[in-house]
N, C-alpha and C. Protein backbone atom coordinates (compact mmCIF):
# COMPACT_ATOMS: atom_id res chain seq x y z
N UNK A 1 42.03 -68.26 70.84
CA UNK A 1 43.04 -67.85 69.89
C UNK A 1 44.29 -67.47 70.66
N UNK A 2 45.40 -67.86 70.14
CA UNK A 2 46.68 -67.63 70.79
C UNK A 2 47.34 -66.41 70.18
N UNK A 3 47.93 -65.55 71.02
CA UNK A 3 48.67 -64.40 70.52
C UNK A 3 49.97 -64.86 69.90
N UNK A 4 50.33 -64.24 68.78
CA UNK A 4 51.56 -64.58 68.10
C UNK A 4 52.34 -63.32 67.83
N UNK A 5 53.65 -63.42 67.71
CA UNK A 5 54.41 -62.23 67.39
C UNK A 5 54.10 -61.78 65.98
N UNK A 6 54.06 -60.46 65.77
CA UNK A 6 53.81 -59.92 64.45
C UNK A 6 55.14 -59.77 63.74
N UNK A 7 55.36 -60.63 62.75
CA UNK A 7 56.62 -60.60 62.02
C UNK A 7 56.52 -59.83 60.71
N UNK A 8 55.43 -59.10 60.53
CA UNK A 8 55.24 -58.34 59.30
C UNK A 8 54.60 -59.16 58.20
N UNK A 9 54.68 -60.48 58.29
CA UNK A 9 54.08 -61.36 57.29
C UNK A 9 52.96 -62.19 57.90
N UNK A 10 52.53 -61.83 59.08
CA UNK A 10 51.51 -62.59 59.79
C UNK A 10 50.21 -62.58 59.00
N UNK A 11 49.57 -63.74 58.94
CA UNK A 11 48.30 -63.88 58.25
C UNK A 11 47.25 -64.40 59.22
N UNK A 12 46.00 -64.08 58.94
CA UNK A 12 44.87 -64.60 59.71
C UNK A 12 44.43 -65.88 59.01
N UNK A 13 44.51 -66.99 59.73
CA UNK A 13 44.27 -68.30 59.13
C UNK A 13 43.24 -69.07 59.93
N UNK A 14 42.33 -69.72 59.21
CA UNK A 14 41.36 -70.63 59.82
C UNK A 14 41.70 -72.05 59.38
N UNK A 15 41.83 -72.95 60.34
CA UNK A 15 42.11 -74.36 60.06
C UNK A 15 40.84 -75.14 60.39
N UNK A 16 40.28 -75.81 59.37
CA UNK A 16 39.02 -76.54 59.53
C UNK A 16 39.26 -78.01 59.24
N UNK A 17 39.11 -78.84 60.27
CA UNK A 17 39.30 -80.28 60.12
C UNK A 17 38.52 -80.98 61.22
N UNK A 18 37.93 -82.12 60.90
CA UNK A 18 37.16 -82.86 61.90
C UNK A 18 38.06 -83.58 62.88
N UNK A 19 39.32 -83.79 62.52
CA UNK A 19 40.25 -84.49 63.40
C UNK A 19 41.02 -83.47 64.25
N UNK A 20 40.81 -83.54 65.55
CA UNK A 20 41.45 -82.59 66.47
C UNK A 20 42.96 -82.61 66.34
N UNK A 21 43.56 -83.78 66.21
CA UNK A 21 45.02 -83.88 66.11
C UNK A 21 45.54 -83.13 64.89
N UNK A 22 44.84 -83.24 63.78
CA UNK A 22 45.25 -82.53 62.55
C UNK A 22 45.09 -81.03 62.74
N UNK A 23 43.93 -80.61 63.27
CA UNK A 23 43.69 -79.18 63.53
C UNK A 23 44.80 -78.61 64.40
N UNK A 24 45.09 -79.32 65.48
CA UNK A 24 46.08 -78.82 66.44
C UNK A 24 47.48 -78.77 65.84
N UNK A 25 47.85 -79.79 65.08
CA UNK A 25 49.19 -79.82 64.47
C UNK A 25 49.37 -78.67 63.49
N UNK A 26 48.41 -78.50 62.59
CA UNK A 26 48.50 -77.43 61.60
C UNK A 26 48.51 -76.07 62.29
N UNK A 27 47.66 -75.91 63.30
CA UNK A 27 47.59 -74.64 64.02
C UNK A 27 48.91 -74.32 64.72
N UNK A 28 49.50 -75.30 65.37
CA UNK A 28 50.77 -75.08 66.08
C UNK A 28 51.87 -74.67 65.10
N UNK A 29 51.97 -75.37 63.98
CA UNK A 29 52.99 -75.04 62.98
C UNK A 29 52.82 -73.60 62.51
N UNK A 30 51.59 -73.22 62.22
CA UNK A 30 51.32 -71.88 61.71
C UNK A 30 51.54 -70.80 62.77
N UNK A 31 51.14 -71.08 64.00
CA UNK A 31 51.36 -70.11 65.09
C UNK A 31 52.85 -69.89 65.33
N UNK A 32 53.61 -70.97 65.32
CA UNK A 32 55.06 -70.84 65.53
C UNK A 32 55.73 -70.04 64.42
N UNK A 33 55.10 -70.02 63.25
CA UNK A 33 55.61 -69.23 62.13
C UNK A 33 55.13 -67.78 62.21
N UNK A 34 54.36 -67.46 63.26
CA UNK A 34 53.94 -66.08 63.49
C UNK A 34 52.57 -65.72 62.98
N UNK A 35 51.77 -66.70 62.58
CA UNK A 35 50.43 -66.42 62.07
C UNK A 35 49.40 -66.44 63.19
N UNK A 36 48.32 -65.72 62.97
CA UNK A 36 47.17 -65.72 63.88
C UNK A 36 46.23 -66.82 63.39
N UNK A 37 45.96 -67.81 64.25
CA UNK A 37 45.24 -69.00 63.81
C UNK A 37 44.03 -69.28 64.70
N UNK A 38 42.92 -69.62 64.05
CA UNK A 38 41.73 -70.11 64.72
C UNK A 38 41.41 -71.46 64.10
N UNK A 39 40.63 -72.27 64.82
CA UNK A 39 40.27 -73.59 64.31
C UNK A 39 38.77 -73.81 64.38
N UNK A 40 38.30 -74.73 63.55
CA UNK A 40 36.89 -75.15 63.55
C UNK A 40 36.84 -76.61 63.16
N UNK A 41 35.80 -77.31 63.64
CA UNK A 41 35.66 -78.74 63.36
C UNK A 41 34.54 -79.05 62.37
N UNK A 42 33.64 -78.10 62.16
CA UNK A 42 32.48 -78.38 61.30
C UNK A 42 32.30 -77.27 60.26
N UNK A 43 31.54 -77.62 59.24
CA UNK A 43 31.20 -76.63 58.23
C UNK A 43 30.35 -75.52 58.80
N UNK A 44 29.43 -75.89 59.67
CA UNK A 44 28.55 -74.90 60.28
C UNK A 44 29.36 -73.89 61.11
N UNK A 45 30.28 -74.39 61.90
CA UNK A 45 31.14 -73.52 62.71
C UNK A 45 31.97 -72.60 61.82
N UNK A 46 32.44 -73.13 60.72
CA UNK A 46 33.23 -72.35 59.78
C UNK A 46 32.43 -71.19 59.22
N UNK A 47 31.23 -71.46 58.74
CA UNK A 47 30.41 -70.40 58.17
C UNK A 47 30.01 -69.38 59.22
N UNK A 48 29.80 -69.83 60.45
CA UNK A 48 29.48 -68.90 61.55
C UNK A 48 30.66 -67.95 61.80
N UNK A 49 31.87 -68.47 61.84
CA UNK A 49 33.06 -67.63 62.05
C UNK A 49 33.23 -66.63 60.91
N UNK A 50 32.90 -67.04 59.70
CA UNK A 50 33.08 -66.16 58.55
C UNK A 50 32.09 -64.99 58.52
N UNK A 51 31.06 -65.06 59.35
CA UNK A 51 30.12 -63.94 59.46
C UNK A 51 30.77 -62.73 60.13
N UNK A 52 31.72 -62.98 61.02
CA UNK A 52 32.30 -61.89 61.82
C UNK A 52 33.80 -61.74 61.64
N UNK A 53 34.38 -62.58 60.82
CA UNK A 53 35.85 -62.58 60.72
C UNK A 53 36.28 -62.79 59.27
N UNK A 54 37.35 -62.14 58.89
CA UNK A 54 37.92 -62.29 57.56
C UNK A 54 39.26 -63.02 57.71
N UNK A 55 39.49 -64.03 56.88
CA UNK A 55 40.72 -64.81 56.94
C UNK A 55 41.49 -64.66 55.63
N UNK A 56 42.81 -64.65 55.75
CA UNK A 56 43.66 -64.60 54.56
C UNK A 56 43.76 -65.97 53.91
N UNK A 57 43.76 -67.02 54.73
CA UNK A 57 43.88 -68.40 54.25
C UNK A 57 42.95 -69.28 55.08
N UNK A 58 42.30 -70.24 54.40
CA UNK A 58 41.44 -71.20 55.07
C UNK A 58 41.89 -72.60 54.67
N UNK A 59 42.46 -73.34 55.63
CA UNK A 59 42.79 -74.75 55.42
C UNK A 59 41.50 -75.52 55.66
N UNK A 60 41.01 -76.25 54.66
CA UNK A 60 39.68 -76.84 54.71
C UNK A 60 39.72 -78.32 54.37
N UNK A 61 39.38 -79.15 55.35
CA UNK A 61 39.29 -80.60 55.13
C UNK A 61 38.02 -80.90 54.34
N UNK A 62 38.02 -82.01 53.64
CA UNK A 62 36.87 -82.42 52.86
C UNK A 62 35.78 -83.01 53.76
N UNK A 63 36.17 -83.88 54.68
CA UNK A 63 35.23 -84.51 55.61
C UNK A 63 35.21 -83.71 56.90
N UNK A 64 34.02 -83.26 57.30
CA UNK A 64 33.88 -82.43 58.51
C UNK A 64 32.79 -82.98 59.41
N UNK A 65 32.80 -82.54 60.67
CA UNK A 65 31.70 -82.85 61.57
C UNK A 65 30.48 -82.06 61.11
N UNK A 66 29.29 -82.53 61.49
CA UNK A 66 28.07 -81.80 61.15
C UNK A 66 27.52 -82.19 59.80
N UNK A 67 26.58 -81.38 59.31
CA UNK A 67 25.86 -81.68 58.08
C UNK A 67 26.58 -81.23 56.81
N UNK A 68 27.48 -80.26 56.93
CA UNK A 68 28.14 -79.69 55.76
C UNK A 68 29.52 -80.31 55.54
N UNK A 69 29.81 -80.65 54.31
CA UNK A 69 31.14 -81.15 53.96
C UNK A 69 32.05 -79.96 53.63
N UNK A 70 33.33 -80.24 53.47
CA UNK A 70 34.24 -79.20 53.02
C UNK A 70 33.84 -78.66 51.66
N UNK A 71 33.30 -79.51 50.80
CA UNK A 71 32.85 -79.06 49.49
C UNK A 71 31.66 -78.12 49.60
N UNK A 72 30.74 -78.40 50.54
CA UNK A 72 29.61 -77.49 50.77
C UNK A 72 30.11 -76.11 51.22
N UNK A 73 31.07 -76.11 52.12
CA UNK A 73 31.65 -74.85 52.60
C UNK A 73 32.35 -74.14 51.44
N UNK A 74 33.09 -74.89 50.63
CA UNK A 74 33.78 -74.29 49.49
C UNK A 74 32.79 -73.64 48.52
N UNK A 75 31.67 -74.30 48.28
CA UNK A 75 30.64 -73.72 47.39
C UNK A 75 30.21 -72.34 47.90
N UNK A 76 30.01 -72.24 49.21
CA UNK A 76 29.62 -70.95 49.80
C UNK A 76 30.76 -69.94 49.68
N UNK A 77 31.98 -70.37 49.92
CA UNK A 77 33.12 -69.46 49.79
C UNK A 77 33.28 -68.99 48.35
N UNK A 78 33.03 -69.88 47.42
CA UNK A 78 33.10 -69.50 46.01
C UNK A 78 32.05 -68.45 45.67
N UNK A 79 30.84 -68.61 46.21
CA UNK A 79 29.78 -67.60 46.01
C UNK A 79 30.21 -66.24 46.55
N UNK A 80 30.97 -66.25 47.63
CA UNK A 80 31.46 -65.00 48.25
C UNK A 80 32.77 -64.52 47.62
N UNK A 81 33.21 -65.21 46.58
CA UNK A 81 34.47 -64.89 45.88
C UNK A 81 35.68 -65.00 46.80
N UNK A 82 35.68 -66.04 47.64
CA UNK A 82 36.78 -66.31 48.57
C UNK A 82 37.49 -67.63 48.28
N UNK A 83 37.17 -68.26 47.16
CA UNK A 83 37.75 -69.57 46.85
C UNK A 83 39.26 -69.52 46.74
N UNK A 84 39.81 -68.38 46.35
CA UNK A 84 41.26 -68.27 46.20
C UNK A 84 42.00 -68.27 47.53
N UNK A 85 41.27 -68.28 48.63
CA UNK A 85 41.89 -68.33 49.96
C UNK A 85 41.92 -69.74 50.53
N UNK A 86 41.35 -70.70 49.82
CA UNK A 86 41.18 -72.06 50.35
C UNK A 86 42.35 -72.96 49.96
N UNK A 87 42.84 -73.69 50.98
CA UNK A 87 43.78 -74.78 50.78
C UNK A 87 43.07 -76.03 51.29
N UNK A 88 42.71 -76.92 50.38
CA UNK A 88 42.03 -78.15 50.78
C UNK A 88 43.01 -79.11 51.44
N UNK A 89 42.50 -79.85 52.43
CA UNK A 89 43.21 -80.96 53.07
C UNK A 89 42.39 -82.21 52.81
N UNK A 90 43.05 -83.28 52.39
CA UNK A 90 42.32 -84.52 52.19
C UNK A 90 43.22 -85.71 52.46
N UNK A 91 42.63 -86.73 53.02
CA UNK A 91 43.36 -87.96 53.28
C UNK A 91 42.76 -89.13 52.51
N UNK A 92 41.86 -88.82 51.60
CA UNK A 92 41.16 -89.88 50.86
C UNK A 92 41.47 -89.79 49.37
N UNK A 93 41.34 -90.93 48.68
CA UNK A 93 41.50 -90.90 47.22
C UNK A 93 40.42 -90.00 46.62
N UNK A 94 40.73 -89.39 45.50
CA UNK A 94 39.84 -88.40 44.91
C UNK A 94 39.34 -88.84 43.55
N UNK A 95 38.07 -88.54 43.28
CA UNK A 95 37.53 -88.78 41.95
C UNK A 95 37.62 -87.48 41.15
N UNK A 96 37.17 -87.49 39.93
CA UNK A 96 37.30 -86.32 39.05
C UNK A 96 36.51 -85.12 39.57
N UNK A 97 35.33 -85.36 40.13
CA UNK A 97 34.53 -84.26 40.67
C UNK A 97 35.28 -83.57 41.82
N UNK A 98 35.90 -84.35 42.70
CA UNK A 98 36.67 -83.78 43.80
C UNK A 98 37.89 -83.04 43.28
N UNK A 99 38.55 -83.60 42.28
CA UNK A 99 39.72 -82.92 41.70
C UNK A 99 39.32 -81.57 41.11
N UNK A 100 38.11 -81.46 40.59
CA UNK A 100 37.63 -80.18 40.07
C UNK A 100 37.58 -79.15 41.19
N UNK A 101 37.11 -79.55 42.36
CA UNK A 101 37.11 -78.63 43.51
C UNK A 101 38.53 -78.20 43.85
N UNK A 102 39.44 -79.15 43.90
CA UNK A 102 40.82 -78.84 44.27
C UNK A 102 41.46 -77.88 43.28
N UNK A 103 41.14 -78.03 41.99
CA UNK A 103 41.69 -77.12 40.98
C UNK A 103 41.15 -75.70 41.14
N UNK A 104 39.95 -75.54 41.66
CA UNK A 104 39.35 -74.22 41.84
C UNK A 104 39.85 -73.52 43.10
N UNK A 105 40.46 -74.25 43.99
CA UNK A 105 41.02 -73.67 45.23
C UNK A 105 42.46 -73.21 44.95
N UNK A 106 43.06 -72.55 45.94
CA UNK A 106 44.45 -72.12 45.80
C UNK A 106 45.41 -73.29 45.73
N UNK A 107 45.13 -74.31 46.55
CA UNK A 107 46.02 -75.47 46.62
C UNK A 107 45.30 -76.59 47.35
N UNK A 108 45.91 -77.77 47.32
CA UNK A 108 45.42 -78.84 48.18
C UNK A 108 46.61 -79.65 48.67
N UNK A 109 46.47 -80.13 49.90
CA UNK A 109 47.49 -80.96 50.53
C UNK A 109 46.87 -82.30 50.87
N UNK A 110 47.64 -83.36 50.70
CA UNK A 110 47.16 -84.67 51.09
C UNK A 110 47.69 -85.01 52.48
N UNK A 111 46.81 -85.64 53.26
CA UNK A 111 47.19 -86.08 54.60
C UNK A 111 47.62 -87.53 54.54
N UNK A 112 48.61 -87.93 55.27
CA UNK A 112 49.37 -87.06 56.17
C UNK A 112 50.28 -86.12 55.37
N UNK A 113 50.39 -84.92 55.86
CA UNK A 113 51.24 -83.92 55.22
C UNK A 113 52.68 -84.41 55.34
N UNK A 114 53.43 -84.33 54.25
CA UNK A 114 54.78 -84.92 54.21
C UNK A 114 55.80 -84.12 55.01
N UNK A 115 55.57 -82.84 55.17
CA UNK A 115 56.53 -82.03 55.91
C UNK A 115 55.93 -80.70 56.30
N UNK A 116 56.49 -80.11 57.32
CA UNK A 116 55.99 -78.82 57.79
C UNK A 116 56.11 -77.76 56.72
N UNK A 117 57.09 -77.89 55.85
CA UNK A 117 57.27 -76.90 54.78
C UNK A 117 56.06 -76.82 53.87
N UNK A 118 55.32 -77.93 53.69
CA UNK A 118 54.11 -77.91 52.86
C UNK A 118 53.05 -77.01 53.48
N UNK A 119 52.88 -77.09 54.78
CA UNK A 119 51.89 -76.26 55.47
C UNK A 119 52.28 -74.79 55.35
N UNK A 120 53.54 -74.49 55.60
CA UNK A 120 53.99 -73.10 55.56
C UNK A 120 53.93 -72.53 54.16
N UNK A 121 54.26 -73.33 53.16
CA UNK A 121 54.17 -72.85 51.77
C UNK A 121 52.73 -72.56 51.38
N UNK A 122 51.81 -73.41 51.81
CA UNK A 122 50.40 -73.19 51.49
C UNK A 122 49.85 -71.95 52.19
N UNK A 123 50.34 -71.66 53.39
CA UNK A 123 49.90 -70.48 54.12
C UNK A 123 50.37 -69.20 53.44
N UNK A 124 51.41 -69.28 52.64
CA UNK A 124 51.96 -68.11 51.98
C UNK A 124 51.22 -67.75 50.69
N UNK A 125 50.27 -68.59 50.26
CA UNK A 125 49.56 -68.33 49.01
C UNK A 125 48.77 -67.05 49.05
């Protein structure tokens, strides 16, 4: 985890994506904006981090490494009443069942993200 300046609006954010380039890009944008950011590549790693850490925002990809999908992780977050902290990331077309997940989260972004402002706006939720 990288130290960031505390600008008074700093948030603790977890970025979960199976693609390292996406994880790193989102993390860099958020760190430069003054947020404290950690990353994970799998659903299992995400749930493990959530045992010891509380996050203000969780950027969560649908497709992840390991056995758990982003939807599986979201189901667990919903059970813990943390669904309002989730911003879904997806680069695939969505069916109605997937759209239902996106509606239950705080927001969703489609990849490739069109601009850095989308990431920063989602972090402010």
